[in-house]
Amino acid sequence: MTARIDPATLPRARTISRTEALAHLERFRAPILLRCGALLIDYIVVICVVSISVLIARMFGGGARSAGGTTETLGIVTAVMLAALNFVFLAAVWGQTLGKWATGIRIERVDGRELSFLHTLLRHFVGYPLSVLTLGIGFLIAAFNAEGRALHDFVAGTVVVREGARRVTARVRRPAR
């Protein structure tokens, strides 16, 4: 026995306007504590590389100072390269750093388009230092505004959302040109 389904009774996927998409993004915005956890994971990964290189340098210790210094330098260079890879490349290509991937959140542009390298560079190398220079107030802004955007998000035109927001923004109707 097979069941017949009338196609007219199935719900149709509707396209939504950009304003409706932004309203959905607000509903899916990432909470500030989840964002803090993601940032903490990102920095733990970078600090682990430096810590391991320092431990290896100390094991060479004693009379082999040049080997220890080289190992520490190699660890710092590796950590800087890992940070650039994590914060710029991964964020621009997948919209997530390692910490954001682990916590299930992602970076998107406010208008729903893909994140570019320029937006990622602005966010991490201009926006983050501005957020730090304001004694952390730039980060706290995310806790007190309705969109959940921090100062670095405003600088780059981005928003951090939960992973589930991807399904909603995939059906956004683009205005005709």
C-alpha atoms as a PDB file:
ATOM      1  CA  MET A   1       0.000   0.000   0.000  1.00  0.00           C
ATOM      2  CA  THR A   2       1.363   3.423  -0.889  1.00  0.00           C
ATOM      3  CA  ALA A   3       0.183   6.783   0.289  1.00  0.00           C
ATOM      4  CA  ARG A   4      -0.553   9.490  -2.234  1.00  0.00           C
ATOM      5  CA  ILE A   5       0.327  13.032  -1.404  1.00  0.00           C
ATOM      6  CA  ASP A   6      -1.379  15.844  -3.202  1.00  0.00           C
ATOM      7  CA  PRO A   7       1.305  18.435  -4.120  1.00  0.00           C
ATOM      8  CA  ALA A   8      -1.193  21.253  -3.641  1.00  0.00           C
ATOM      9  CA  THR A   9      -1.446  20.470   0.089  1.00  0.00           C
ATOM     10  CA  LEU A  10       2.317  20.645   0.711  1.00  0.00           C
ATOM     11  CA  PRO A  11       3.571  23.895   2.235  1.00  0.00           C
ATOM     12  CA  ARG A  12       5.595  25.973  -0.216  1.00  0.00           C
ATOM     13  CA  ALA A  13       8.891  27.592   0.728  1.00  0.00           C
ATOM     14  CA  ARG A  14       8.323  31.312   0.580  1.00  0.00           C
ATOM     15  CA  THR A  15      10.934  33.886  -0.230  1.00  0.00           C
ATOM     16  CA  ILE A  16      11.371  36.630   2.282  1.00  0.00           C
ATOM     17  CA  SER A  17      12.419  40.240   1.939  1.00  0.00           C
ATOM     18  CA  ARG A  18      15.704  41.628   3.244  1.00  0.00           C
ATOM     19  CA  THR A  19      13.901  43.300   6.160  1.00  0.00           C
ATOM     20  CA  GLU A  20      12.338  40.001   7.177  1.00  0.00           C
ATOM     21  CA  ALA A  21      15.750  38.313   6.888  1.00  0.00           C
ATOM     22  CA  LEU A  22      17.274  40.857   9.257  1.00  0.00           C
ATOM     23  CA  ALA A  23      14.429  40.224  11.698  1.00  0.00           C
ATOM     24  CA  HIS A  24      15.216  36.501  11.530  1.00  0.00           C
ATOM     25  CA  LEU A  25      18.918  37.224  12.059  1.00  0.00           C
ATOM     26  CA  GLU A  26      18.039  39.153  15.207  1.00  0.00           C
ATOM     27  CA  ARG A  27      16.276  36.073  16.472  1.00  0.00           C
ATOM     28  CA  PHE A  28      19.344  33.956  15.687  1.00  0.00           C
ATOM     29  CA  ARG A  29      21.987  36.381  16.961  1.00  0.00           C
ATOM     30  CA  ALA A  30      24.690  34.795  19.069  1.00  0.00           C
ATOM     31  CA  PRO A  31      24.560  35.557  22.806  1.00  0.00           C
ATOM     32  CA  ILE A  32      27.492  37.500  24.246  1.00  0.00           C
ATOM     33  CA  LEU A  33      28.622  34.634  26.503  1.00  0.00           C
ATOM     34  CA  LEU A  34      28.785  32.244  23.554  1.00  0.00           C
ATOM     35  CA  ARG A  35      30.861  34.792  21.656  1.00  0.00           C
ATOM     36  CA  CYS A  36      33.191  35.170  24.643  1.00  0.00           C
ATOM     37  CA  GLY A  37      33.579  31.390  24.815  1.00  0.00           C
ATOM     38  CA  ALA A  38      34.470  31.255  21.114  1.00  0.00           C
ATOM     39  CA  LEU A  39      37.085  33.984  21.527  1.00  0.00           C
ATOM     40  CA  LEU A  40      38.505  32.183  24.561  1.00  0.00           C
ATOM     41  CA  ILE A  41      38.863  28.955  22.557  1.00  0.00           C
ATOM     42  CA  ASP A  42      40.618  30.858  19.753  1.00  0.00           C
ATOM     43  CA  TYR A  43      43.136  32.378  22.137  1.00  0.00           C
ATOM     44  CA  ILE A  44      43.700  29.118  24.014  1.00  0.00           C
ATOM     45  CA  VAL A  45      44.708  27.467  20.719  1.00  0.00           C
ATOM     46  CA  VAL A  46      47.205  30.250  19.961  1.00  0.00           C
ATOM     47  CA  ILE A  47      48.611  30.342  23.516  1.00  0.00           C
ATOM     48  CA  CYS A  48      49.041  26.545  23.529  1.00  0.00           C
ATOM     49  CA  VAL A  49      51.456  26.818  20.585  1.00  0.00           C
ATOM     50  CA  VAL A  50      53.534  29.423  22.429  1.00  0.00           C
ATOM     51  CA  SER A  51      53.427  27.431  25.681  1.00  0.00           C
ATOM     52  CA  ILE A  52      54.569  24.218  24.009  1.00  0.00           C
ATOM     53  CA  SER A  53      57.444  26.018  22.296  1.00  0.00           C
ATOM     54  CA  VAL A  54      58.555  27.539  25.609  1.00  0.00           C
ATOM     55  CA  LEU A  55      58.406  24.112  27.295  1.00  0.00           C
ATOM     56  CA  ILE A  56      60.491  22.571  24.519  1.00  0.00           C
ATOM     57  CA  ALA A  57      62.965  25.463  24.761  1.00  0.00           C
ATOM     58  CA  ARG A  58      63.304  24.891  28.512  1.00  0.00           C
ATOM     59  CA  MET A  59      63.942  21.181  27.947  1.00  0.00           C
ATOM     60  CA  PHE A  60      66.925  22.122  25.766  1.00  0.00           C
ATOM     61  CA  GLY A  61      67.937  24.548  28.563  1.00  0.00           C
ATOM     62  CA  GLY A  62      71.313  24.605  30.283  1.00  0.00           C
ATOM     63  CA  GLY A  63      74.197  25.399  27.935  1.00  0.00           C
ATOM     64  CA  ALA A  64      72.100  25.275  24.764  1.00  0.00           C
ATOM     65  CA  ARG A  65      70.609  28.751  24.996  1.00  0.00           C
ATOM     66  CA  SER A  66      70.714  29.291  21.251  1.00  0.00           C
ATOM     67  CA  ALA A  67      68.604  26.167  20.614  1.00  0.00           C
ATOM     68  CA  GLY A  68      66.092  27.309  23.261  1.00  0.00           C
ATOM     69  CA  GLY A  69      65.904  30.822  21.808  1.00  0.00           C
ATOM     70  CA  THR A  70      65.383  29.448  18.330  1.00  0.00           C
ATOM     71  CA  THR A  71      62.599  27.166  19.555  1.00  0.00           C
ATOM     72  CA  GLU A  72      60.854  30.036  21.337  1.00  0.00           C
ATOM     73  CA  THR A  73      61.132  32.224  18.230  1.00  0.00           C
ATOM     74  CA  LEU A  74      59.800  29.417  16.046  1.00  0.00           C
ATOM     75  CA  GLY A  75      56.877  28.974  18.469  1.00  0.00           C
ATOM     76  CA  ILE A  76      56.011  32.678  18.377  1.00  0.00           C
ATOM     77  CA  VAL A  77      56.214  32.794  14.567  1.00  0.00           C
ATOM     78  CA  THR A  78      54.029  29.671  14.373  1.00  0.00           C
ATOM     79  CA  ALA A  79      51.507  31.205  16.784  1.00  0.00           C
ATOM     80  CA  VAL A  80      51.300  34.425  14.720  1.00  0.00           C
ATOM     81  CA  MET A  81      50.806  32.410  11.531  1.00  0.00           C
ATOM     82  CA  LEU A  82      48.140  30.259  13.232  1.00  0.00           C
ATOM     83  CA  ALA A  83      46.352  33.384  14.495  1.00  0.00           C
ATOM     84  CA  ALA A  84      46.376  34.920  11.001  1.00  0.00           C
ATOM     85  CA  LEU A  85      45.114  31.671   9.507  1.00  0.00           C
ATOM     86  CA  ASN A  86      42.392  31.345  12.140  1.00  0.00           C
ATOM     87  CA  PHE A  87      41.192  34.946  12.356  1.00  0.00           C
ATOM     88  CA  VAL A  88      41.564  35.952   8.707  1.00  0.00           C
ATOM     89  CA  PHE A  89      41.576  32.978   6.350  1.00  0.00           C
ATOM     90  CA  LEU A  90      39.114  30.671   8.131  1.00  0.00           C
ATOM     91  CA  ALA A  91      36.814  33.567   9.009  1.00  0.00           C
ATOM     92  CA  ALA A  92      36.786  34.866   5.422  1.00  0.00           C
ATOM     93  CA  VAL A  93      36.341  31.483   3.747  1.00  0.00           C
ATOM     94  CA  TRP A  94      33.920  29.724   6.138  1.00  0.00           C
ATOM     95  CA  GLY A  95      32.675  32.600   8.295  1.00  0.00           C
ATOM     96  CA  GLN A  96      33.977  30.834  11.385  1.00  0.00           C
ATOM     97  CA  THR A  97      37.156  30.721  13.428  1.00  0.00           C
ATOM     98  CA  LEU A  98      38.011  27.535  15.324  1.00  0.00           C
ATOM     99  CA  GLY A  99      36.264  28.885  18.427  1.00  0.00           C
ATOM    100  CA  LYS A 100      33.164  29.935  16.529  1.00  0.00           C
ATOM    101  CA  TRP A 101      33.032  26.518  14.860  1.00  0.00           C
ATOM    102  CA  ALA A 102      33.276  24.807  18.255  1.00  0.00           C
ATOM    103  CA  THR A 103      30.477  26.929  19.707  1.00  0.00           C
ATOM    104  CA  GLY A 104      28.212  26.771  16.643  1.00  0.00           C
ATOM    105  CA  ILE A 105      28.225  30.441  15.692  1.00  0.00           C
ATOM    106  CA  ARG A 106      29.339  32.225  12.529  1.00  0.00           C
ATOM    107  CA  ILE A 107      30.175  35.685  11.207  1.00  0.00           C
ATOM    108  CA  GLU A 108      27.986  37.109   8.447  1.00  0.00           C
ATOM    109  CA  ARG A 109      27.624  40.462   6.801  1.00  0.00           C
ATOM    110  CA  VAL A 110      24.588  42.429   7.939  1.00  0.00           C
ATOM    111  CA  ASP A 111      23.052  42.316   4.470  1.00  0.00           C
ATOM    112  CA  GLY A 112      23.325  38.502   4.356  1.00  0.00           C
ATOM    113  CA  ARG A 113      26.058  38.313   1.720  1.00  0.00           C
ATOM    114  CA  GLU A 114      29.229  36.267   2.039  1.00  0.00           C
ATOM    115  CA  LEU A 115      32.033  37.587   4.221  1.00  0.00           C
ATOM    116  CA  SER A 116      35.012  38.897   2.220  1.00  0.00           C
ATOM    117  CA  PHE A 117      38.691  39.156   3.128  1.00  0.00           C
ATOM    118  CA  LEU A 118      38.323  42.940   3.351  1.00  0.00           C
ATOM    119  CA  HIS A 119      35.523  42.671   5.916  1.00  0.00           C
ATOM    120  CA  THR A 120      37.501  40.082   7.858  1.00  0.00           C
ATOM    121  CA  LEU A 121      40.630  42.248   7.864  1.00  0.00           C
ATOM    122  CA  LEU A 122      38.604  45.280   8.976  1.00  0.00           C
ATOM    123  CA  ARG A 123      36.912  43.289  11.719  1.00  0.00           C
ATOM    124  CA  HIS A 124      40.026  41.699  13.189  1.00  0.00           C
ATOM    125  CA  PHE A 125      42.792  44.239  12.555  1.00  0.00           C
ATOM    126  CA  VAL A 126      40.892  47.524  12.907  1.00  0.00           C
ATOM    127  CA  GLY A 127      37.768  46.664  14.905  1.00  0.00           C
ATOM    128  CA  TYR A 128      39.344  44.399  17.544  1.00  0.00           C
ATOM    129  CA  PRO A 129      42.091  46.900  18.455  1.00  0.00           C
ATOM    130  CA  LEU A 130      39.446  49.650  18.703  1.00  0.00           C
ATOM    131  CA  SER A 131      37.366  47.430  20.980  1.00  0.00           C
ATOM    132  CA  VAL A 132      40.412  46.810  23.181  1.00  0.00           C
ATOM    133  CA  LEU A 133      41.492  50.483  23.190  1.00  0.00           C
ATOM    134  CA  THR A 134      38.092  51.466  24.600  1.00  0.00           C
ATOM    135  CA  LEU A 135      39.009  49.349  27.658  1.00  0.00           C
ATOM    136  CA  GLY A 136      36.683  46.558  26.574  1.00  0.00           C
ATOM    137  CA  ILE A 137      33.622  48.742  26.128  1.00  0.00           C
ATOM    138  CA  GLY A 138      33.712  47.940  22.408  1.00  0.00           C
ATOM    139  CA  PHE A 139      33.065  44.285  23.273  1.00  0.00           C
ATOM    140  CA  LEU A 140      30.367  45.087  25.854  1.00  0.00           C
ATOM    141  CA  ILE A 141      28.322  46.998  23.293  1.00  0.00           C
ATOM    142  CA  ALA A 142      27.148  43.605  22.001  1.00  0.00           C
ATOM    143  CA  ALA A 143      25.441  42.871  25.299  1.00  0.00           C
ATOM    144  CA  PHE A 144      23.408  46.066  25.252  1.00  0.00           C
ATOM    145  CA  ASN A 145      22.210  46.584  21.687  1.00  0.00           C
ATOM    146  CA  ALA A 146      19.310  44.762  20.061  1.00  0.00           C
ATOM    147  CA  GLU A 147      21.360  43.406  17.150  1.00  0.00           C
ATOM    148  CA  GLY A 148      24.060  41.937  19.400  1.00  0.00           C
ATOM    149  CA  ARG A 149      26.817  43.688  17.459  1.00  0.00           C
ATOM    150  CA  ALA A 150      30.080  44.785  19.065  1.00  0.00           C
ATOM    151  CA  LEU A 151      32.223  47.724  17.949  1.00  0.00           C
ATOM    152  CA  HIS A 152      34.270  45.522  15.600  1.00  0.00           C
ATOM    153  CA  ASP A 153      31.007  44.307  14.020  1.00  0.00           C
ATOM    154  CA  PHE A 154      29.910  47.894  13.381  1.00  0.00           C
ATOM    155  CA  VAL A 155      33.312  48.738  11.860  1.00  0.00           C
ATOM    156  CA  ALA A 156      33.172  45.784   9.438  1.00  0.00           C
ATOM    157  CA  GLY A 157      29.417  45.656   8.817  1.00  0.00           C
ATOM    158  CA  THR A 158      29.093  42.148  10.260  1.00  0.00           C
ATOM    159  CA  VAL A 159      26.915  40.287  12.719  1.00  0.00           C
ATOM    160  CA  VAL A 160      27.584  37.062  14.638  1.00  0.00           C
ATOM    161  CA  VAL A 161      24.715  34.588  14.441  1.00  0.00           C
ATOM    162  CA  ARG A 162      23.995  31.043  15.495  1.00  0.00           C
ATOM    163  CA  GLU A 163      24.631  28.369  12.891  1.00  0.00           C
ATOM    164  CA  GLY A 164      20.870  27.849  12.348  1.00  0.00           C
ATOM    165  CA  ALA A 165      20.547  31.318  10.786  1.00  0.00           C
ATOM    166  CA  ARG A 166      22.172  30.015   7.607  1.00  0.00           C
ATOM    167  CA  ARG A 167      18.969  28.207   6.606  1.00  0.00           C
ATOM    168  CA  VAL A 168      16.915  31.397   6.895  1.00  0.00           C
ATOM    169  CA  THR A 169      19.284  33.651   4.958  1.00  0.00           C
ATOM    170  CA  ALA A 170      19.666  31.143   2.121  1.00  0.00           C
ATOM    171  CA  ARG A 171      16.183  32.030   0.858  1.00  0.00           C
ATOM    172  CA  VAL A 172      16.542  35.816   0.940  1.00  0.00           C
ATOM    173  CA  ARG A 173      15.027  37.446  -2.132  1.00  0.00           C
ATOM    174  CA  ARG A 174      17.533  39.794  -3.746  1.00  0.00           C
ATOM    175  CA  PRO A 175      16.142  43.083  -5.053  1.00  0.00           C
ATOM    176  CA  ALA A 176      16.065  43.432  -8.832  1.00  0.00           C
ATOM    177  CA  ARG A 177      18.802  45.571 -10.354  1.00  0.00           C
END
